[in-house]
Amino acid sequence: MLAYAISDKTNLDFNNLEASIKKIASKASMIVYRDKNNPNYKENSKLFIQTAKKYPFQKILLHADINLSANLKADGIHLTSPQLKDIGYAKEKGLFVVASTHTLKESLLAQEMGADMITLSPIYHSPNKGEPIGLEKLKDVVSSLKIPVIALGGILTPEQIKECESAGAKGFASIRYFL
């Protein structure tokens, strides 16, 4: 089961970046740097990629900025649901693409546009993310897609990870699980 760490200011300390990434690497097989409102995002992204490459992550991604991801030679990009139309552009840049989705319709569109995998959220209750869609919706999306589906949203325990795996998810993504 793929363990996808979504990093932000709660689990990534740039004053002690090596220790933060080392801690995450002990539990995660893939990582993305996401810090939406940081004015130093570009500079931090460069440091993040350099440091993360010291660890055995399968993929190191940046969030939302396709050109920055390509220029810094990240493995890929995690696109937001409003960015689904940009999947083709990201693929042209040679990036592995993870697309955020919240519905079967978005998931099918992401697959059609060429995404390598999707996150589907929120599976469980997650602060400020609206009503959880639950495991049955996760099963429906998994059975409708050919690309891997990564469960996201409120995943904090090994039991929840097992439930998502039983529903067919190829992995899980979380911020708080990796704290």
Protein backbone atom coordinates (compact mmCIF):
# COMPACT_ATOMS: atom_id res chain seq x y z
CA MET A 1 0.00 0.00 0.00
CA LEU A 2 1.48 3.32 -1.10
CA ALA A 3 1.93 5.78 1.77
CA TYR A 4 1.79 9.31 0.33
CA ALA A 5 2.86 12.12 2.66
CA ILE A 6 1.40 15.53 1.99
CA SER A 7 3.77 17.92 3.67
CA ASP A 8 3.01 21.43 4.80
CA LYS A 9 3.98 23.75 7.63
CA THR A 10 2.48 21.37 10.22
CA ASN A 11 4.84 18.46 9.45
CA LEU A 12 7.75 20.15 7.66
CA ASP A 13 10.07 22.47 9.56
CA PHE A 14 12.45 24.34 7.25
CA ASN A 15 14.61 25.25 10.24
CA ASN A 16 15.25 21.54 10.66
CA LEU A 17 14.35 20.20 7.23
CA GLU A 18 16.59 17.15 7.28
CA ALA A 19 15.00 15.86 10.51
CA SER A 20 11.45 16.58 9.26
CA ILE A 21 11.94 14.71 6.00
CA LYS A 22 13.78 11.86 7.71
CA LYS A 23 10.81 11.40 10.06
CA ILE A 24 8.34 11.40 7.16
CA ALA A 25 10.54 9.03 5.13
CA SER A 26 10.33 6.46 7.92
CA LYS A 27 6.60 6.04 7.14
CA ALA A 28 6.09 7.33 3.58
CA SER A 29 6.92 5.95 0.15
CA MET A 30 5.98 9.14 -1.73
CA ILE A 31 5.96 12.82 -0.74
CA VAL A 32 4.65 16.16 -1.98
CA TYR A 33 5.57 19.62 -0.77
CA ARG A 34 2.43 21.71 -0.39
CA ASP A 35 2.46 25.08 1.30
CA LYS A 36 -0.11 27.12 -0.58
CA ASN A 37 0.42 30.54 0.99
CA ASN A 38 4.15 30.58 1.64
CA PRO A 39 5.88 33.54 -0.08
CA ASN A 40 9.11 31.47 -0.05
CA TYR A 41 7.53 28.50 -1.82
CA LYS A 42 9.96 28.53 -4.77
CA GLU A 43 13.08 28.69 -2.60
CA ASN A 44 11.67 26.14 -0.16
CA SER A 45 10.74 23.82 -3.03
CA LYS A 46 14.35 23.69 -4.18
CA LEU A 47 15.56 22.86 -0.65
CA PHE A 48 12.75 20.35 -0.21
CA ILE A 49 13.64 18.43 -3.39
CA GLN A 50 17.38 18.44 -2.63
CA THR A 51 16.77 17.09 0.87
CA ALA A 52 14.05 14.59 -0.05
CA LYS A 53 16.31 13.07 -2.73
CA LYS A 54 18.55 11.80 0.08
CA TYR A 55 15.76 9.38 1.07
CA PRO A 56 14.24 6.41 -0.78
CA PHE A 57 10.95 8.01 -1.83
CA GLN A 58 9.43 6.44 -4.95
CA LYS A 59 8.31 9.91 -6.09
CA ILE A 60 9.00 13.47 -4.92
CA LEU A 61 6.38 15.96 -6.06
CA LEU A 62 5.53 19.62 -5.79
CA HIS A 63 2.03 21.02 -5.52
CA ALA A 64 0.23 22.94 -8.27
CA ASP A 65 3.17 24.69 -10.00
CA ILE A 66 3.93 22.69 -13.15
CA ASN A 67 6.78 24.86 -14.44
CA LEU A 68 8.51 24.98 -11.06
CA SER A 69 8.23 21.18 -10.78
CA ALA A 70 9.77 20.70 -14.20
CA ASN A 71 12.50 23.32 -13.67
CA LEU A 72 13.55 21.85 -10.31
CA LYS A 73 13.41 18.31 -11.71
CA ALA A 74 10.81 17.04 -9.28
CA ASP A 75 9.49 13.60 -10.21
CA GLY A 76 6.03 15.01 -10.59
CA ILE A 77 3.23 17.34 -9.72
CA HIS A 78 0.12 17.10 -7.56
CA LEU A 79 -2.58 19.10 -9.32
CA THR A 80 -5.72 20.49 -7.68
CA SER A 81 -9.15 19.57 -9.03
CA PRO A 82 -9.50 22.97 -10.82
CA GLN A 83 -6.21 22.13 -12.62
CA LEU A 84 -7.44 18.92 -14.27
CA LYS A 85 -7.35 20.72 -17.63
CA ASP A 86 -3.58 21.16 -17.13
CA ILE A 87 -2.78 17.44 -16.90
CA GLY A 88 -1.73 17.28 -20.57
CA TYR A 89 0.66 20.21 -20.13
CA ALA A 90 2.25 18.55 -17.09
CA LYS A 91 2.66 15.30 -19.02
CA GLU A 92 4.32 17.22 -21.89
CA LYS A 93 6.85 18.47 -19.30
CA GLY A 94 7.63 14.85 -18.43
CA LEU A 95 6.04 14.95 -14.99
CA PHE A 96 4.31 12.15 -13.10
CA VAL A 97 0.83 13.52 -12.39
CA VAL A 98 -1.32 13.02 -9.31
CA ALA A 99 -4.70 14.76 -9.59
CA SER A 100 -6.95 15.70 -6.68
CA THR A 101 -10.52 14.56 -7.20
CA HIS A 102 -13.68 14.54 -5.11
CA THR A 103 -16.24 12.86 -7.38
CA LEU A 104 -16.47 10.01 -9.87
CA LYS A 105 -16.89 12.58 -12.66
CA GLU A 106 -13.64 14.37 -11.74
CA SER A 107 -11.85 11.03 -11.35
CA LEU A 108 -12.90 9.86 -14.81
CA LEU A 109 -11.87 13.22 -16.31
CA ALA A 110 -8.45 13.03 -14.63
CA GLN A 111 -7.93 9.53 -16.04
CA GLU A 112 -9.08 10.63 -19.51
CA MET A 113 -6.71 13.64 -19.41
CA GLY A 114 -3.75 11.33 -18.65
CA ALA A 115 -3.20 11.50 -14.87
CA ASP A 116 -0.98 8.72 -13.53
CA MET A 117 -3.00 8.43 -10.33
CA ILE A 118 -5.64 10.33 -8.39
CA THR A 119 -6.36 11.18 -4.82
CA LEU A 120 -10.01 10.90 -3.83
CA SER A 121 -11.17 12.89 -0.83
CA PRO A 122 -12.33 13.31 1.83
CA ILE A 123 -12.86 9.67 2.74
CA TYR A 124 -13.19 10.36 6.48
CA HIS A 125 -13.87 13.56 8.38
CA SER A 126 -11.09 16.07 7.81
CA PRO A 127 -11.05 19.66 9.12
CA ASN A 128 -12.49 22.19 6.66
CA LYS A 129 -12.99 19.59 3.89
CA GLY A 130 -16.76 19.17 3.99
CA GLU A 131 -18.72 15.97 4.43
CA PRO A 132 -16.73 12.75 4.03
CA ILE A 133 -17.62 10.71 0.95
CA GLY A 134 -16.95 7.39 2.68
CA LEU A 135 -15.71 3.96 1.74
CA GLU A 136 -18.60 3.04 -0.59
CA LYS A 137 -17.83 6.02 -2.87
CA LEU A 138 -14.16 5.02 -2.74
CA LYS A 139 -15.12 1.50 -3.90
CA ASP A 140 -17.26 2.96 -6.73
CA VAL A 141 -14.41 5.13 -8.01
CA VAL A 142 -11.81 2.37 -7.72
CA SER A 143 -14.02 -0.02 -9.72
CA SER A 144 -14.57 2.62 -12.43
CA LEU A 145 -10.92 3.57 -13.03
CA LYS A 146 -7.88 1.85 -14.51
CA ILE A 147 -5.35 4.16 -12.77
CA PRO A 148 -4.46 3.91 -9.07
CA VAL A 149 -6.76 5.61 -6.59
CA ILE A 150 -5.19 7.02 -3.42
CA ALA A 151 -7.57 7.55 -0.50
CA LEU A 152 -7.21 10.95 1.19
CA GLY A 153 -8.89 12.79 4.00
CA GLY A 154 -8.96 12.08 7.71
CA ILE A 155 -6.74 9.00 7.51
CA LEU A 156 -5.01 8.78 10.88
CA THR A 157 -4.95 5.13 11.97
CA PRO A 158 -3.77 1.73 10.71
CA GLU A 159 -7.41 0.59 10.86
CA GLN A 160 -8.50 3.34 8.47
CA ILE A 161 -5.63 2.46 6.13
CA LYS A 162 -6.78 -1.19 6.10
CA GLU A 163 -10.37 -0.10 5.40
CA CYS A 164 -9.20 1.96 2.41
CA GLU A 165 -7.10 -0.93 1.15
CA SER A 166 -10.08 -3.28 1.49
CA ALA A 167 -12.11 -0.79 -0.55
CA GLY A 168 -9.54 -1.14 -3.35
CA ALA A 169 -7.37 1.93 -2.85
CA LYS A 170 -3.77 1.41 -3.99
CA GLY A 171 -2.57 3.77 -1.29
CA PHE A 172 -3.45 6.46 1.18
CA ALA A 173 -2.41 10.08 1.51
CA SER A 174 -2.37 12.19 4.64
CA ILE A 175 -0.85 15.16 6.37
CA ARG A 176 -1.66 14.34 9.99
CA TYR A 177 -0.73 10.64 9.81
CA PHE A 178 2.87 11.69 9.16
CA LEU A 179 3.12 14.17 12.06
